[in-house]
């Protein structure tokens, strides 16, 4: 039997709230900005791949690489070269355009 006074209740916090709290820390905020461009590209790749209804394996085949490379790219554990990103874009039927602001 569980004593109701010792039962823990789950606390729900949204990702947005956690992100806002973390970004109040200057070190976290600087690192977030440093990685922001990479994660924007990754998000676009995942979104387009899903719109095309292709798997990571299919994209890997189109790019001429392994599924594990696509998986690492999409998870953010791989810092891709511009050449690799260009191959991925072409595998998705897209082109890369870079803006310096």
N, C-alpha and C. Protein backbone atom coordinates (compact mmCIF):
# COMPACT_ATOMS: atom_id res chain seq x y z
N UNK A 1 0.83 -1.18 0.00
CA UNK A 1 0.00 0.00 0.00
C UNK A 1 0.87 1.24 0.00
N UNK A 2 0.41 2.24 -0.68
CA UNK A 2 1.13 3.50 -0.75
C UNK A 2 0.43 4.52 0.13
N UNK A 3 1.20 5.17 0.93
CA UNK A 3 0.67 6.23 1.77
C UNK A 3 0.45 7.45 0.90
N UNK A 4 -0.75 7.99 0.87
CA UNK A 4 -1.07 9.11 -0.02
C UNK A 4 -0.25 10.35 0.29
N UNK A 5 0.24 10.49 1.49
CA UNK A 5 1.05 11.67 1.83
C UNK A 5 2.45 11.58 1.24
N UNK A 6 2.90 10.37 0.88
CA UNK A 6 4.23 10.22 0.30
C UNK A 6 4.19 10.03 -1.20
N UNK A 7 3.01 9.99 -1.78
CA UNK A 7 2.88 9.83 -3.22
C UNK A 7 3.29 11.13 -3.90
N UNK A 8 4.18 11.02 -4.87
CA UNK A 8 4.65 12.21 -5.59
C UNK A 8 3.75 12.46 -6.78
N UNK A 9 3.46 13.71 -6.99
CA UNK A 9 2.67 14.11 -8.15
C UNK A 9 3.62 14.62 -9.23
N UNK A 10 3.33 14.26 -10.46
CA UNK A 10 4.13 14.73 -11.58
C UNK A 10 3.85 16.21 -11.82
N UNK A 11 4.91 16.94 -12.07
CA UNK A 11 4.78 18.36 -12.37
C UNK A 11 5.01 18.52 -13.86
N UNK A 12 4.10 19.19 -14.50
CA UNK A 12 4.21 19.38 -15.94
C UNK A 12 4.76 20.77 -16.25
N UNK A 13 5.84 20.80 -17.00
CA UNK A 13 6.45 22.05 -17.42
C UNK A 13 6.66 21.95 -18.93
N UNK A 14 6.25 22.97 -19.64
CA UNK A 14 6.38 22.93 -21.10
C UNK A 14 7.83 23.17 -21.51
N UNK A 15 8.16 22.70 -22.70
CA UNK A 15 9.49 22.93 -23.25
C UNK A 15 9.77 24.42 -23.36
N UNK A 16 8.77 25.17 -23.76
CA UNK A 16 8.92 26.62 -23.91
C UNK A 16 9.34 27.27 -22.59
N UNK A 17 8.71 26.84 -21.50
CA UNK A 17 9.05 27.39 -20.18
C UNK A 17 10.48 27.04 -19.78
N UNK A 18 10.87 25.80 -20.00
CA UNK A 18 12.22 25.36 -19.67
C UNK A 18 13.23 26.14 -20.50
N UNK A 19 12.96 26.28 -21.78
CA UNK A 19 13.86 27.01 -22.68
C UNK A 19 14.01 28.45 -22.22
N UNK A 20 12.91 29.12 -21.89
CA UNK A 20 12.97 30.50 -21.43
C UNK A 20 13.80 30.63 -20.17
N UNK A 21 13.64 29.71 -19.25
CA UNK A 21 14.42 29.74 -18.00
C UNK A 21 15.90 29.54 -18.27
N UNK A 22 16.21 28.57 -19.12
CA UNK A 22 17.62 28.29 -19.42
C UNK A 22 18.29 29.45 -20.14
N UNK A 23 17.56 30.09 -21.05
CA UNK A 23 18.15 31.18 -21.82
C UNK A 23 18.39 32.44 -20.99
N UNK A 24 17.90 32.46 -19.78
CA UNK A 24 18.19 33.58 -18.88
C UNK A 24 19.64 33.54 -18.41
N UNK A 25 20.25 32.36 -18.49
CA UNK A 25 21.66 32.19 -18.14
C UNK A 25 22.50 32.63 -19.34
N UNK A 26 23.42 33.57 -19.12
CA UNK A 26 24.19 34.14 -20.22
C UNK A 26 25.02 33.10 -20.97
N UNK A 27 25.64 32.16 -20.24
CA UNK A 27 26.45 31.12 -20.90
C UNK A 27 25.58 30.23 -21.78
N UNK A 28 24.43 29.85 -21.27
CA UNK A 28 23.50 29.02 -22.04
C UNK A 28 23.02 29.78 -23.26
N UNK A 29 22.69 31.04 -23.08
CA UNK A 29 22.20 31.87 -24.18
C UNK A 29 23.25 32.01 -25.29
N UNK A 30 24.50 32.22 -24.91
CA UNK A 30 25.57 32.34 -25.91
C UNK A 30 25.77 31.04 -26.68
N UNK A 31 25.74 29.91 -25.98
CA UNK A 31 25.89 28.60 -26.64
C UNK A 31 24.71 28.32 -27.56
N UNK A 32 23.52 28.68 -27.12
CA UNK A 32 22.31 28.50 -27.93
C UNK A 32 22.43 29.28 -29.24
N UNK A 33 22.86 30.51 -29.15
CA UNK A 33 23.02 31.32 -30.36
C UNK A 33 24.08 30.75 -31.28
N UNK A 34 25.15 30.22 -30.70
CA UNK A 34 26.22 29.64 -31.49
C UNK A 34 25.73 28.43 -32.30
N UNK A 35 24.84 27.65 -31.71
CA UNK A 35 24.35 26.43 -32.37
C UNK A 35 23.05 26.62 -33.15
N UNK A 36 22.46 27.79 -33.05
CA UNK A 36 21.14 28.03 -33.63
C UNK A 36 21.08 27.76 -35.14
N UNK A 37 22.05 28.23 -35.89
CA UNK A 37 22.03 28.04 -37.35
C UNK A 37 22.05 26.55 -37.71
N UNK A 38 22.88 25.79 -37.00
CA UNK A 38 22.96 24.35 -37.26
C UNK A 38 21.61 23.69 -37.03
N UNK A 39 20.97 24.03 -35.92
CA UNK A 39 19.70 23.39 -35.60
C UNK A 39 18.56 23.85 -36.51
N UNK A 40 18.65 25.05 -37.04
CA UNK A 40 17.65 25.48 -38.01
C UNK A 40 17.75 24.64 -39.27
N UNK A 41 18.97 24.39 -39.73
CA UNK A 41 19.18 23.56 -40.93
C UNK A 41 18.69 22.13 -40.66
N UNK A 42 19.05 21.58 -39.50
CA UNK A 42 18.62 20.23 -39.15
C UNK A 42 17.09 20.14 -39.15
N UNK A 43 16.44 21.12 -38.56
CA UNK A 43 14.97 21.13 -38.50
C UNK A 43 14.37 21.14 -39.90
N UNK A 44 14.96 21.92 -40.80
CA UNK A 44 14.46 21.97 -42.17
C UNK A 44 14.65 20.62 -42.87
N UNK A 45 15.79 19.99 -42.66
CA UNK A 45 16.05 18.69 -43.28
C UNK A 45 15.02 17.67 -42.82
N UNK A 46 14.79 17.61 -41.51
CA UNK A 46 13.82 16.65 -40.96
C UNK A 46 12.42 16.94 -41.50
N UNK A 47 12.04 18.20 -41.51
CA UNK A 47 10.70 18.58 -41.98
C UNK A 47 10.50 18.20 -43.45
N UNK A 48 11.48 18.50 -44.29
CA UNK A 48 11.36 18.19 -45.72
C UNK A 48 11.35 16.68 -45.93
N UNK A 49 12.21 15.95 -45.21
CA UNK A 49 12.24 14.49 -45.36
C UNK A 49 10.88 13.89 -45.00
N UNK A 50 10.29 14.40 -43.93
CA UNK A 50 8.97 13.89 -43.52
C UNK A 50 7.89 14.28 -44.52
N UNK A 51 7.97 15.49 -45.08
CA UNK A 51 7.00 15.90 -46.10
C UNK A 51 7.09 15.00 -47.32
N UNK A 52 8.29 14.60 -47.66
CA UNK A 52 8.50 13.70 -48.80
C UNK A 52 8.17 12.26 -48.46
N UNK A 53 7.93 12.00 -47.18
CA UNK A 53 7.60 10.65 -46.70
C UNK A 53 8.69 9.64 -47.05
N UNK A 54 9.94 10.06 -46.81
CA UNK A 54 11.06 9.14 -47.02
C UNK A 54 11.75 8.90 -45.68
N UNK A 55 12.32 7.73 -45.54
CA UNK A 55 13.02 7.35 -44.32
C UNK A 55 14.45 7.89 -44.34
N UNK A 56 15.09 7.79 -43.19
CA UNK A 56 16.52 8.15 -43.14
C UNK A 56 17.31 7.23 -44.06
N UNK A 57 16.91 5.98 -44.14
CA UNK A 57 17.61 5.03 -45.02
C UNK A 57 17.48 5.44 -46.48
N UNK A 58 16.29 5.86 -46.89
CA UNK A 58 16.08 6.30 -48.27
C UNK A 58 16.90 7.56 -48.56
N UNK A 59 16.90 8.50 -47.63
CA UNK A 59 17.69 9.71 -47.83
C UNK A 59 19.17 9.36 -47.92
N UNK A 60 19.63 8.46 -47.06
CA UNK A 60 21.03 8.04 -47.10
C UNK A 60 21.38 7.44 -48.46
N UNK A 61 20.48 6.62 -48.99
CA UNK A 61 20.70 6.02 -50.31
C UNK A 61 20.82 7.11 -51.37
N UNK A 62 19.94 8.10 -51.32
CA UNK A 62 19.96 9.20 -52.30
C UNK A 62 21.24 10.02 -52.20
N UNK A 63 21.75 10.16 -50.97
CA UNK A 63 22.94 10.98 -50.73
C UNK A 63 24.23 10.20 -51.00
N UNK A 64 24.13 8.88 -50.89
CA UNK A 64 25.33 8.04 -51.06
C UNK A 64 26.11 7.92 -49.76
N UNK A 65 25.38 7.84 -48.66
CA UNK A 65 26.00 7.71 -47.35
C UNK A 65 25.25 6.65 -46.55
N UNK A 66 25.60 6.48 -45.30
CA UNK A 66 24.93 5.49 -44.47
C UNK A 66 23.77 6.12 -43.69
N UNK A 67 22.84 5.27 -43.28
CA UNK A 67 21.72 5.74 -42.47
C UNK A 67 22.23 6.34 -41.17
N UNK A 68 23.29 5.77 -40.61
CA UNK A 68 23.82 6.28 -39.35
C UNK A 68 24.33 7.71 -39.50
N UNK A 69 24.87 8.06 -40.67
CA UNK A 69 25.30 9.45 -40.89
C UNK A 69 24.11 10.39 -40.91
N UNK A 70 23.01 9.97 -41.53
CA UNK A 70 21.81 10.80 -41.57
C UNK A 70 21.23 10.91 -40.16
N UNK A 71 21.23 9.82 -39.43
CA UNK A 71 20.72 9.82 -38.06
C UNK A 71 21.53 10.77 -37.18
N UNK A 72 22.86 10.70 -37.28
CA UNK A 72 23.72 11.61 -36.49
C UNK A 72 23.48 13.06 -36.88
N UNK A 73 23.31 13.31 -38.17
CA UNK A 73 23.03 14.67 -38.64
C UNK A 73 21.73 15.18 -38.02
N UNK A 74 20.67 14.40 -38.13
CA UNK A 74 19.35 14.82 -37.64
C UNK A 74 19.31 14.93 -36.12
N UNK A 75 20.14 14.20 -35.42
CA UNK A 75 20.14 14.26 -33.95
C UNK A 75 21.00 15.41 -33.43
N UNK A 76 21.81 16.01 -34.32
CA UNK A 76 22.66 17.12 -33.90
C UNK A 76 24.01 16.68 -33.39
N UNK A 77 24.33 15.37 -33.49
CA UNK A 77 25.60 14.86 -33.00
C UNK A 77 26.69 14.85 -34.08
N UNK A 78 26.43 15.52 -35.16
CA UNK A 78 27.38 15.54 -36.28
C UNK A 78 27.46 16.96 -36.80
N UNK A 79 28.65 17.46 -36.93
CA UNK A 79 28.86 18.80 -37.46
C UNK A 79 29.19 18.64 -38.95
N UNK A 80 28.19 18.76 -39.80
CA UNK A 80 28.38 18.44 -41.22
C UNK A 80 29.16 19.51 -41.96
N UNK A 81 29.84 19.06 -42.99
CA UNK A 81 30.51 20.00 -43.88
C UNK A 81 29.47 20.61 -44.81
N UNK A 82 29.81 21.71 -45.42
CA UNK A 82 28.91 22.33 -46.39
C UNK A 82 28.69 21.39 -47.57
N UNK A 83 29.72 20.66 -47.95
CA UNK A 83 29.61 19.69 -49.05
C UNK A 83 28.58 18.61 -48.71
N UNK A 84 28.61 18.11 -47.47
CA UNK A 84 27.65 17.07 -47.07
C UNK A 84 26.24 17.64 -47.05
N UNK A 85 26.08 18.85 -46.52
CA UNK A 85 24.75 19.48 -46.50
C UNK A 85 24.22 19.68 -47.92
N UNK A 86 25.11 20.01 -48.84
CA UNK A 86 24.70 20.19 -50.24
C UNK A 86 24.21 18.86 -50.82
N UNK A 87 24.90 17.76 -50.49
CA UNK A 87 24.46 16.44 -50.97
C UNK A 87 23.10 16.08 -50.38
N UNK A 88 22.91 16.38 -49.09
CA UNK A 88 21.62 16.10 -48.44
C UNK A 88 20.52 16.92 -49.09
N UNK A 89 20.80 18.21 -49.32
CA UNK A 89 19.81 19.07 -49.96
C UNK A 89 19.42 18.51 -51.32
N UNK A 90 20.39 18.12 -52.12
CA UNK A 90 20.11 17.55 -53.44
C UNK A 90 19.33 16.25 -53.31
N UNK A 91 19.64 15.44 -52.28
CA UNK A 91 18.91 14.21 -52.04
C UNK A 91 17.44 14.47 -51.70
N UNK A 92 17.18 15.67 -51.19
CA UNK A 92 15.81 16.08 -50.88
C UNK A 92 15.17 16.87 -52.02
N UNK A 93 15.92 17.03 -53.11
CA UNK A 93 15.41 17.80 -54.25
C UNK A 93 15.45 19.30 -53.98
N UNK A 94 16.38 19.74 -53.16
CA UNK A 94 16.49 21.16 -52.77
C UNK A 94 17.88 21.69 -53.08
N UNK A 95 18.03 22.99 -52.88
CA UNK A 95 19.33 23.65 -53.03
C UNK A 95 19.61 24.40 -51.73
N UNK A 96 20.90 24.61 -51.46
CA UNK A 96 21.29 25.38 -50.29
C UNK A 96 21.48 26.83 -50.72
N UNK A 97 20.96 27.73 -49.90
CA UNK A 97 21.18 29.17 -50.07
C UNK A 97 21.65 29.70 -48.73
N UNK A 98 22.76 30.43 -48.73
CA UNK A 98 23.33 30.94 -47.49
C UNK A 98 23.28 32.46 -47.49
N UNK A 99 22.84 33.01 -46.37
CA UNK A 99 22.80 34.46 -46.18
C UNK A 99 23.77 34.84 -45.07
N UNK A 100 24.53 35.86 -45.30
CA UNK A 100 25.34 36.43 -44.23
C UNK A 100 24.66 37.73 -43.83
N UNK A 101 24.32 37.84 -42.56
CA UNK A 101 23.59 39.02 -42.09
C UNK A 101 24.41 39.79 -41.10
